[in-house]
Protein backbone atom coordinates (compact mmCIF):
# COMPACT_ATOMS: atom_id res chain seq x y z
CA MET A 1 25.72 114.15 31.69
CA THR A 2 24.23 116.14 28.74
CA ALA A 3 24.70 115.34 24.95
CA HIS A 4 26.05 118.83 24.18
CA ALA A 5 28.09 120.99 26.02
CA PRO A 6 26.26 124.40 26.72
CA VAL A 7 26.36 127.19 23.79
CA GLY A 8 29.71 129.46 24.84
CA ARG A 9 31.43 126.81 26.34
CA SER A 10 34.07 123.98 24.82
CA ARG A 11 32.76 120.62 25.48
CA CYS A 12 34.33 118.35 28.33
CA HIS A 13 37.25 115.84 27.50
CA ARG A 14 36.54 112.66 28.88
CA VAL A 15 39.57 110.70 30.22
CA MET A 16 39.79 106.96 31.04
CA ILE A 17 42.44 105.85 33.66
CA VAL A 18 44.35 102.69 33.26
CA ASP A 19 46.42 101.79 36.18
CA ASP A 20 47.03 98.58 38.45
CA HIS A 21 47.46 100.71 41.89
CA PRO A 22 44.18 101.99 43.20
CA LEU A 23 45.98 105.24 44.56
CA MET A 24 47.39 106.21 41.25
CA ARG A 25 43.97 106.10 39.83
CA ARG A 26 42.68 107.87 42.73
CA GLY A 27 45.34 110.78 42.45
CA LEU A 28 44.64 111.26 38.80
CA ARG A 29 41.02 111.43 38.77
CA GLU A 30 41.39 114.12 41.72
CA LEU A 31 44.02 115.74 39.37
CA PHE A 32 41.83 115.71 36.61
CA GLU A 33 38.64 116.52 38.20
CA ARG A 34 40.29 119.86 39.21
CA GLU A 35 41.28 120.60 35.44
CA PRO A 36 38.87 122.68 33.70
CA GLY A 37 37.34 120.97 30.46
CA LEU A 38 38.60 117.40 31.68
CA GLU A 39 36.24 114.73 33.07
CA VAL A 40 37.16 110.85 34.32
CA CYS A 41 34.99 108.82 32.56
CA GLY A 42 36.01 105.25 33.81
CA GLU A 43 39.11 103.39 35.46
CA ALA A 44 40.54 100.08 35.05
CA GLU A 45 43.17 98.04 36.41
CA SER A 46 43.95 95.53 33.77
CA VAL A 47 43.62 95.27 29.66
CA ALA A 48 40.71 92.98 29.94
CA GLY A 49 39.04 95.49 32.52
CA ALA A 50 39.67 98.58 30.29
CA LEU A 51 38.54 96.68 27.22
CA GLY A 52 35.20 96.08 29.00
CA GLU A 53 34.71 99.45 30.04
CA ILE A 54 35.95 101.32 27.13
CA ASP A 55 32.43 101.39 24.83
CA GLY A 56 30.59 102.53 27.69
CA ALA A 57 32.97 105.15 28.79
CA SER A 58 33.62 106.29 25.21
CA PRO A 59 36.69 108.40 26.27
CA ASP A 60 38.38 111.06 24.01
CA LEU A 61 41.73 110.05 25.92
CA VAL A 62 42.97 106.67 27.50
CA ILE A 63 45.98 107.21 30.01
CA VAL A 64 47.70 103.91 29.85
CA ASP A 65 50.35 102.44 32.62
CA LEU A 66 52.87 100.17 31.03
CA THR A 67 52.44 97.25 33.80
CA LEU A 68 48.68 96.01 34.43
CA LYS A 69 47.58 93.14 36.13
CA ASP A 70 47.04 90.99 33.19
CA GLY A 71 49.89 92.13 30.82
CA SER A 72 51.66 95.08 29.05
CA GLY A 73 50.06 98.42 28.49
CA LEU A 74 51.39 98.58 25.01
CA THR A 75 48.79 95.48 24.39
CA LEU A 76 46.09 97.55 25.61
CA VAL A 77 47.25 100.40 23.28
CA GLU A 78 47.48 98.23 20.14
CA ALA A 79 44.02 96.88 21.01
CA ILE A 80 42.42 100.62 21.52
CA ARG A 81 44.37 101.50 18.02
CA ASP A 82 42.72 98.41 16.31
CA ARG A 83 39.33 98.93 17.99
CA ASP A 84 38.78 102.71 17.61
CA PRO A 85 41.59 104.84 16.36
CA SER A 86 39.77 108.03 17.20
CA VAL A 87 40.43 107.20 20.89
CA ALA A 88 43.98 108.48 21.75
CA THR A 89 46.13 106.87 24.11
CA LEU A 90 49.09 108.18 26.40
CA ILE A 91 51.54 106.04 28.35
CA TRP A 92 52.12 107.51 32.02
CA SER A 93 55.04 104.86 33.35
CA MET A 94 57.90 104.71 35.39
CA HIS A 95 59.75 102.55 33.58
CA ASP A 96 62.99 104.20 31.38
CA GLU A 97 61.86 105.88 28.52
CA ASN A 98 64.82 105.67 26.65
CA LEU A 99 63.45 102.10 26.12
CA PHE A 100 59.85 102.56 26.16
CA ALA A 101 59.07 105.92 24.75
CA GLU A 102 59.89 105.36 21.27
CA ARG A 103 58.51 101.66 21.40
CA ALA A 104 55.19 103.50 22.56
CA LEU A 105 54.81 105.82 19.92
CA ARG A 106 55.01 103.38 17.26
CA THR A 107 52.80 100.86 18.88
CA GLY A 108 49.83 104.03 18.47
CA ALA A 109 50.34 106.09 21.60
CA MET A 110 50.32 109.68 21.35
CA GLY A 111 52.72 110.50 24.25
CA TYR A 112 54.83 108.98 26.64
CA VAL A 113 55.21 110.79 30.25
CA SER A 114 57.60 109.74 33.42
CA LYS A 115 55.57 109.22 36.70
CA ALA A 116 58.47 111.03 37.69
CA ALA A 117 56.91 114.27 35.98
CA SER A 118 55.19 116.85 37.97
CA ALA A 119 51.32 117.06 37.68
CA ASP A 120 51.59 120.45 35.75
CA GLU A 121 53.93 118.47 32.98
CA LEU A 122 50.98 115.37 32.76
CA VAL A 123 48.14 117.90 32.34
CA LYS A 124 50.16 119.84 29.66
CA ALA A 125 50.57 116.21 27.89
CA VAL A 126 47.11 115.27 28.54
CA ARG A 127 46.22 118.76 26.67
CA ASP A 128 48.77 118.61 23.84
CA VAL A 129 47.48 114.64 23.08
CA LEU A 130 43.98 116.13 23.13
CA ALA A 131 44.85 118.92 20.80
CA GLY A 132 46.27 116.40 18.49
CA ARG A 133 49.84 116.98 19.39
CA VAL A 134 52.62 114.05 20.44
CA ALA A 135 53.58 114.74 23.92
CA VAL A 136 57.39 113.44 24.69
CA SER A 137 60.24 115.04 26.60
CA PRO A 138 62.59 117.00 24.80
CA THR A 139 65.28 114.05 25.01
CA VAL A 140 62.84 111.84 22.98
CA ALA A 141 61.66 114.34 20.58
CA GLN A 142 65.25 114.96 19.50
CA ARG A 143 65.93 111.64 18.92
CA LEU A 144 62.67 111.09 16.75
CA LEU A 145 64.01 114.29 14.66
CA GLN A 146 67.41 112.42 14.26
CA THR A 147 65.57 109.39 12.78
CA VAL A 148 63.68 111.18 10.44
CA GLY A 149 67.10 112.90 9.55
CA ARG A 150 68.47 109.39 9.09
CA GLY A 151 65.63 108.47 6.31
CA GLY A 152 63.56 106.64 9.36
CA ALA A 153 66.21 104.22 10.53
CA LYS A 154 65.20 102.61 13.79
CA THR A 155 66.99 103.90 16.56
CA MET A 156 66.31 100.84 18.90
CA SER A 157 68.18 97.73 18.23
CA GLY A 158 70.22 95.01 19.65
CA GLY A 159 69.49 93.86 23.56
CA VAL A 160 66.09 94.50 25.39
CA ALA A 161 65.17 96.80 22.98
CA SER A 162 65.07 94.31 20.16
CA LEU A 163 62.38 92.34 21.96
CA SER A 164 58.57 92.31 20.53
CA ASN A 165 55.84 93.95 22.96
CA ARG A 166 54.75 90.70 23.73
CA GLU A 167 58.40 89.09 24.26
CA LEU A 168 58.89 92.30 26.49
CA ALA A 169 56.01 91.32 28.46
CA VAL A 170 56.97 87.85 28.93
CA PHE A 171 60.64 89.07 29.71
CA GLU A 172 59.13 91.34 32.64
CA LEU A 173 56.91 88.57 34.15
CA ILE A 174 59.90 86.45 34.44
CA GLY A 175 61.80 89.13 36.08
CA ASN A 176 59.12 89.42 38.44
CA GLY A 177 59.24 85.79 39.41
CA LEU A 178 56.73 84.21 37.40
CA THR A 179 56.78 80.83 36.20
CA THR A 180 55.84 79.72 32.51
CA ARG A 181 52.49 78.50 33.91
CA GLN A 182 51.59 81.91 35.85
CA ILE A 183 52.77 83.82 32.84
CA ALA A 184 50.51 81.96 30.38
CA GLU A 185 47.71 82.32 32.61
CA ARG A 186 48.29 85.93 33.20
CA LEU A 187 48.53 86.79 29.48
CA GLN A 188 45.94 84.18 28.33
CA LEU A 189 48.22 82.36 26.31
CA SER A 190 49.40 78.79 25.96
CA VAL A 191 52.51 77.62 27.88
CA LYS A 192 53.59 76.54 24.35
CA THR A 193 53.28 80.12 23.10
CA ILE A 194 55.21 81.42 26.45
CA ASP A 195 58.02 78.79 25.94
CA SER A 196 58.25 79.57 21.89
CA HIS A 197 58.68 83.22 23.36
CA ARG A 198 61.13 82.54 25.87
CA GLU A 199 63.12 80.96 23.19
CA ASN A 200 62.86 83.77 21.05
CA ILE A 201 63.97 86.41 24.02
CA LYS A 202 67.25 84.14 24.75
CA ALA A 203 68.56 84.01 21.09
CA LYS A 204 67.81 87.66 20.60
CA LEU A 205 69.83 88.21 23.92
CA GLY A 206 72.66 85.92 23.42
CA LEU A 207 71.43 83.61 26.38
CA ASP A 208 72.42 80.04 26.56
CA SER A 209 69.91 79.04 29.54
CA ALA A 210 66.77 79.02 31.27
CA ILE A 211 69.08 80.30 34.43
CA ASP A 212 70.65 82.93 32.24
CA LEU A 213 67.44 84.30 31.08
CA VAL A 214 66.01 84.45 34.61
CA ARG A 215 68.97 86.15 36.17
CA HIS A 216 69.03 88.68 33.07
CA ALA A 217 65.04 89.41 33.61
CA VAL A 218 65.50 89.95 37.36
CA LEU A 219 68.25 91.93 36.93
CA TRP A 220 66.43 94.42 34.52
CA VAL A 221 63.48 94.59 36.47
CA LEU A 222 65.40 95.74 39.30
CA GLU A 223 67.25 98.28 37.16
CA GLU A 224 63.66 99.47 36.15
CA ALA A 225 62.39 99.59 39.38
């Protein structure tokens, strides 16, 4: 690829895809390669894989699924923001936007698109973010405006929404049936750290036992599926 776009043509925007499902990545690649002014510069299935590819891929935008092989997409968004703030991120996920969209924006993403959205809606969101605009649904946009009207008070409070990004990742993995040791290996943390997160989650959700924690996590994962 040449370093400069031909005279009279705008440069091609480079998009990187991070999703743990190969078919999803393939579908997105085929979609974007049909779009003028867009090119896919790389793919990854995990946080570590994406961070290993990003310097060489030099993306303008990284599209990130929330659930990756080694942790939460929010962790990746934070890492990209800290490493190179000029790289935009867009969350593309099956999870409920009422819980995750505002969280994603606060973490550093420029937008949130449901996997239930149409191809045209996704492409529009990509172009909006590349143009420097935030891409969210009208419902989320209205809620954000209401937040500003209240002086910036946080709208997410109580319940699962009160969990930190790391706690939420642990909670989801508990709901997917992973043991504490497996979660520690997946997130590359110590067992002691995961135990601490579990206790914090129990306290925030008002749960009395490990059994209650597992039951609530499983039910939450089933509701999100």
